[in-house]
Amino acid sequence: MIIVWILLGLVVLLAVVGVVMYNGLIGLRNKVEEGWRQIDVELKRRHDLIPNLVETVKGYASHERGTLEEVMQARSAAMSGASTPAAAAQAEGQLSQALGRLMAVAEAYPDLKANQNFLALQQELTSTEDRIASSRRYYNALVRELNTKVESVPSNIVANMAGVKRAEYFEAPATEAVVPNVSFGGDAIGGSGSPAVAPSTQPGAVGGPSTQPGAAPGALPQAQAPGAAQPDPTTDSAPGQGTPNA
C-alpha cells in the first residue's frame, strides 16, 4: 500500500513539474512573439520616414536619381513581408546600405546638410535605429532563453509534446549592417569632411513589414553614434534599435 502511495505521489509530482514546464515554455514563446512585434513597429516607423527623407534630398540633388531609386527599391523589398526574421534582417541590411549611400551623397550638398527638415528626419531616423537595436537585444535574449529550454532535458520533452519550436535570432550580416554617421554640423568626423561610417547594431534590419517568428529570428543595421561598439547579437542589455520591432 505504501508503494502505491509513493508511486501515486511521483505521478502527481511529475504532472505538476510538467505543467510548470509547459506554462513556462508557452509564456516564453508569447514573449518572443511580443518582442518581435516591438521590432516590427520600429521597422515600420523606419520605412515611413524614408520617403520624406528621399523627397528632401531630391529637392537639392534631383540628378542623383540612381541613389534615390535604389533607396526606394530597397524600402519596397524590406516592406514586402519577409517570412522569417532572418529574411527580414537580410532585407533591412540592403536598405541600410542604400541609406548609407544616400547619406554619403548628402555630404556633397552643404545647403541640404543645413536644411532643418533634413536634419530633423536624419535625427528621427537615427533615434528609430537606436530603438530597433534596443528591441533587437531584448528579443534575441528571449530567443536564447526559449531555445535553451527547447533543447535542454527534460524541458525538451515537454516542448516536443506542446509543439514549441526553436525561434530565430534577428541579426544582420556584418557586411550588411553598416550605416554611416554623417556630421551635419560643419566639422566632419576625422576632419575629412566625408561621412564617417560606424558598424550598426541593428539587424538589417530588422524585418520588413509585419512578420511573425515561426521558424524564428536574426539583426537590422543601425545608425549609431561614432565610436559605439557593436553589441553581441545574442546578448541582451536591454530588448532590442530593438526587434513580435519589430
Protein backbone atom coordinates (compact mmCIF):
# COMPACT_ATOMS: atom_id res chain seq x y z
CA MET A 1 0.00 0.00 0.00
CA ILE A 2 2.84 2.36 0.84
CA ILE A 3 4.40 1.64 -2.54
CA VAL A 4 1.15 2.57 -4.25
CA TRP A 5 1.04 5.89 -2.43
CA ILE A 6 4.68 6.55 -3.32
CA LEU A 7 4.01 5.81 -6.97
CA LEU A 8 0.92 7.98 -6.89
CA GLY A 9 2.92 10.79 -5.33
CA LEU A 10 5.58 10.50 -8.03
CA VAL A 11 2.94 10.65 -10.74
CA VAL A 12 1.41 13.77 -9.20
CA LEU A 13 4.87 15.35 -8.84
CA LEU A 14 5.73 14.63 -12.46
CA ALA A 15 2.39 16.05 -13.57
CA VAL A 16 3.00 19.25 -11.59
CA VAL A 17 6.53 19.60 -12.98
CA GLY A 18 5.23 19.01 -16.50
CA VAL A 19 2.55 21.67 -16.10
CA VAL A 20 5.07 24.17 -14.76
CA MET A 21 7.44 23.50 -17.66
CA TYR A 22 4.62 23.73 -20.18
CA ASN A 23 3.40 27.06 -18.81
CA GLY A 24 6.95 28.40 -18.78
CA LEU A 25 7.53 27.42 -22.42
CA ILE A 26 4.25 28.93 -23.57
CA GLY A 27 4.98 32.12 -21.66
CA LEU A 28 8.42 32.40 -23.23
CA ARG A 29 7.05 31.77 -26.71
CA ASN A 30 4.49 34.54 -26.21
CA LYS A 31 7.22 36.91 -25.01
CA VAL A 32 9.28 36.13 -28.11
CA GLU A 33 6.30 36.96 -30.32
CA GLU A 34 5.68 40.17 -28.39
CA GLY A 35 9.36 41.10 -28.72
CA TRP A 36 9.15 40.62 -32.47
CA ARG A 37 6.08 42.83 -32.68
CA GLN A 38 8.03 45.60 -30.96
CA ILE A 39 10.77 45.29 -33.58
CA ASP A 40 8.14 45.29 -36.31
CA VAL A 41 6.64 48.55 -35.06
CA GLU A 42 10.02 50.29 -35.16
CA LEU A 43 10.79 48.88 -38.60
CA LYS A 44 7.51 50.27 -39.93
CA ARG A 45 8.39 53.65 -38.46
CA ARG A 46 11.76 53.47 -40.19
CA HIS A 47 10.09 52.65 -43.50
CA ASP A 48 7.66 55.56 -43.09
CA LEU A 49 10.48 58.07 -42.56
CA ILE A 50 12.37 57.13 -45.72
CA PRO A 51 10.04 58.64 -48.40
CA ASN A 52 10.18 62.07 -46.72
CA LEU A 53 13.95 61.79 -46.46
CA VAL A 54 14.25 60.88 -50.14
CA GLU A 55 11.94 63.74 -51.19
CA THR A 56 14.00 66.22 -49.18
CA VAL A 57 17.24 65.04 -50.79
CA LYS A 58 15.60 65.10 -54.22
CA GLY A 59 14.90 68.82 -53.78
CA TYR A 60 18.64 69.51 -53.62
CA ALA A 61 20.09 66.60 -55.60
CA SER A 62 17.46 65.59 -58.13
CA HIS A 63 20.13 64.34 -60.57
CA GLU A 64 21.15 61.66 -58.04
CA ARG A 65 18.31 59.61 -59.44
CA GLY A 66 20.09 56.26 -59.22
CA THR A 67 20.78 56.55 -55.49
CA LEU A 68 17.26 57.78 -54.72
CA GLU A 69 15.64 54.98 -56.68
CA GLU A 70 17.90 52.42 -55.04
CA VAL A 71 16.74 53.54 -51.60
CA MET A 72 13.07 53.31 -52.56
CA GLN A 73 13.54 49.88 -54.14
CA ALA A 74 15.30 48.60 -51.02
CA ARG A 75 12.48 50.03 -48.91
CA SER A 76 9.88 48.22 -51.00
CA ALA A 77 11.81 44.96 -50.64
CA ALA A 78 12.01 45.41 -46.87
CA MET A 79 8.26 46.05 -46.70
CA SER A 80 7.37 43.05 -48.84
CA GLY A 81 6.75 40.80 -45.86
CA ALA A 82 9.71 38.54 -45.13
CA SER A 83 8.61 35.15 -43.86
CA THR A 84 11.29 34.85 -41.15
CA PRO A 85 13.35 37.23 -39.02
CA ALA A 86 16.48 36.09 -40.88
CA ALA A 87 14.95 37.09 -44.22
CA ALA A 88 13.78 40.36 -42.69
CA ALA A 89 17.29 41.06 -41.43
CA GLN A 90 18.72 40.50 -44.91
CA ALA A 91 16.22 42.92 -46.48
CA GLU A 92 16.84 45.53 -43.80
CA GLY A 93 20.58 45.16 -44.33
CA GLN A 94 20.15 46.03 -48.01
CA LEU A 95 18.05 49.03 -47.03
CA SER A 96 20.69 50.24 -44.57
CA GLN A 97 23.36 50.02 -47.24
CA ALA A 98 21.22 52.10 -49.59
CA LEU A 99 20.60 54.65 -46.84
CA GLY A 100 24.34 54.81 -46.23
CA ARG A 101 24.96 55.77 -49.84
CA LEU A 102 22.19 58.36 -49.65
CA MET A 103 23.79 59.97 -46.61
CA ALA A 104 27.15 59.97 -48.39
CA VAL A 105 25.55 61.83 -51.31
CA ALA A 106 24.09 64.39 -48.87
CA GLU A 107 27.62 65.29 -47.75
CA ALA A 108 28.26 66.88 -51.15
CA TYR A 109 25.41 69.40 -50.69
CA PRO A 110 26.03 71.98 -47.95
CA ASP A 111 22.57 73.54 -48.41
CA LEU A 112 20.96 70.12 -47.91
CA LYS A 113 23.02 69.44 -44.79
CA ALA A 114 21.80 72.74 -43.36
CA ASN A 115 18.15 72.07 -44.22
CA GLN A 116 16.16 71.84 -40.99
CA ASN A 117 13.72 69.30 -42.38
CA PHE A 118 16.57 67.04 -43.47
CA LEU A 119 18.29 67.37 -40.10
CA ALA A 120 15.07 66.53 -38.28
CA LEU A 121 14.44 63.48 -40.47
CA GLN A 122 18.01 62.28 -40.08
CA GLN A 123 17.80 62.64 -36.31
CA GLU A 124 14.48 60.81 -36.19
CA LEU A 125 15.88 58.01 -38.33
CA THR A 126 18.88 57.66 -36.01
CA SER A 127 16.58 57.58 -32.99
CA THR A 128 14.49 54.88 -34.64
CA GLU A 129 17.59 52.82 -35.38
CA ASP A 130 18.54 53.05 -31.71
CA ARG A 131 15.12 51.75 -30.66
CA ILE A 132 15.38 48.93 -33.18
CA ALA A 133 18.75 47.92 -31.73
CA SER A 134 17.34 48.00 -28.20
CA SER A 135 14.32 45.91 -29.19
CA ARG A 136 16.60 43.51 -31.02
CA ARG A 137 18.75 42.87 -27.96
CA TYR A 138 15.66 42.18 -25.86
CA TYR A 139 14.18 39.91 -28.49
CA ASN A 140 17.40 37.94 -29.00
CA ALA A 141 17.74 37.42 -25.25
CA LEU A 142 14.24 35.93 -25.15
CA VAL A 143 15.03 33.73 -28.14
CA ARG A 144 18.18 32.47 -26.44
CA GLU A 145 16.23 31.59 -23.29
CA LEU A 146 13.47 29.84 -25.25
CA ASN A 147 15.91 27.88 -27.40
CA THR A 148 17.83 26.75 -24.33
CA LYS A 149 14.68 25.32 -22.79
CA VAL A 150 13.59 23.72 -26.06
CA GLU A 151 16.95 21.92 -26.33
CA SER A 152 17.51 21.04 -22.67
CA VAL A 153 16.40 17.93 -20.79
CA PRO A 154 13.73 17.44 -19.51
CA SER A 155 12.03 20.59 -20.81
CA ASN A 156 12.68 19.47 -24.41
CA ILE A 157 10.27 16.56 -23.84
CA VAL A 158 7.51 18.95 -22.81
CA ALA A 159 8.41 21.29 -25.69
CA ASN A 160 8.03 18.46 -28.22
CA MET A 161 4.69 17.48 -26.74
CA ALA A 162 3.49 21.11 -26.75
CA GLY A 163 4.82 21.83 -30.26
CA VAL A 164 7.09 24.64 -29.08
CA LYS A 165 9.93 25.10 -31.59
CA ARG A 166 13.22 26.97 -31.66
CA ALA A 167 12.99 30.65 -32.58
CA GLU A 168 15.30 32.54 -34.96
CA TYR A 169 17.60 35.30 -33.85
CA PHE A 170 17.25 38.67 -35.53
CA GLU A 171 20.77 39.58 -36.63
CA ALA A 172 22.15 41.42 -39.63
CA PRO A 173 25.10 40.09 -41.61
CA ALA A 174 28.23 42.05 -40.67
CA THR A 175 28.72 43.15 -44.27
CA GLU A 176 25.16 44.44 -44.46
CA ALA A 177 24.90 46.20 -41.13
CA VAL A 178 26.70 49.45 -41.85
CA VAL A 179 25.08 52.87 -41.84
CA PRO A 180 27.28 55.96 -41.98
CA ASN A 181 27.09 58.54 -39.23
CA VAL A 182 27.22 61.84 -41.03
CA SER A 183 28.33 65.04 -39.35
CA PHE A 184 25.98 67.86 -40.29
CA GLY A 185 27.44 70.47 -38.01
CA GLY A 186 30.36 71.57 -40.15
CA ASP A 187 33.17 69.59 -38.55
CA ALA A 188 33.19 66.15 -40.04
CA ILE A 189 34.50 63.27 -38.00
CA GLY A 190 38.23 62.86 -38.51
CA GLY A 191 38.40 66.32 -40.04
CA SER A 192 37.99 65.00 -43.56
CA GLY A 193 34.55 66.29 -44.45
CA SER A 194 33.47 62.85 -45.62
CA PRO A 195 30.86 60.81 -43.77
CA ALA A 196 32.16 58.57 -41.03
CA VAL A 197 30.95 55.03 -41.06
CA ALA A 198 30.31 53.04 -37.89
CA PRO A 199 29.08 49.49 -37.68
CA SER A 200 25.46 49.18 -36.77
CA THR A 201 23.94 47.03 -34.09
CA GLN A 202 20.70 46.67 -35.88
CA PRO A 203 19.75 43.55 -37.58
CA GLY A 204 19.43 44.60 -41.17
CA ALA A 205 17.01 45.47 -40.19
CA VAL A 206 15.44 44.10 -38.76
CA GLY A 207 12.42 42.64 -40.70
CA GLY A 208 10.28 44.41 -43.23
CA PRO A 209 6.62 44.69 -42.51
CA SER A 210 4.65 42.57 -40.11
CA THR A 211 6.44 39.25 -39.95
CA GLN A 212 5.81 36.58 -37.40
CA PRO A 213 8.54 34.47 -35.86
CA GLY A 214 7.78 30.89 -36.50
CA ALA A 215 10.98 29.47 -37.71
CA ALA A 216 12.46 32.29 -35.70
CA PRO A 217 14.66 35.44 -35.74
CA GLY A 218 18.02 37.10 -36.83
CA ALA A 219 19.55 41.55 -36.96
CA LEU A 220 18.88 45.16 -38.65
CA PRO A 221 21.66 47.78 -39.30
CA GLN A 222 21.52 50.89 -37.29
CA ALA A 223 22.94 54.35 -37.48
CA GLN A 224 24.71 54.81 -34.19
CA ALA A 225 27.00 57.31 -32.58
CA PRO A 226 30.63 57.37 -33.75
CA GLY A 227 32.84 55.06 -31.78
CA ALA A 228 29.96 52.98 -30.45
CA ALA A 229 30.83 49.34 -30.07
CA GLN A 230 28.87 46.68 -31.89
CA PRO A 231 26.98 44.55 -29.32
CA ASP A 232 26.76 40.80 -29.34
CA PRO A 233 23.54 39.97 -31.21
CA THR A 234 22.72 37.23 -28.76
CA THR A 235 23.31 39.14 -25.56
CA ASP A 236 20.73 41.34 -24.03
CA SER A 237 21.43 44.64 -22.43
CA ALA A 238 18.13 45.93 -22.95
CA PRO A 239 15.00 44.37 -25.89
CA GLY A 240 16.46 45.24 -28.66
CA GLN A 241 17.23 49.52 -32.43
CA GLY A 242 15.21 46.80 -30.80
CA THR A 243 13.31 43.77 -32.71
CA PRO A 244 6.92 40.34 -32.28
CA ASN A 245 10.11 45.86 -33.52
CA ALA A 246 9.87 44.76 -34.76
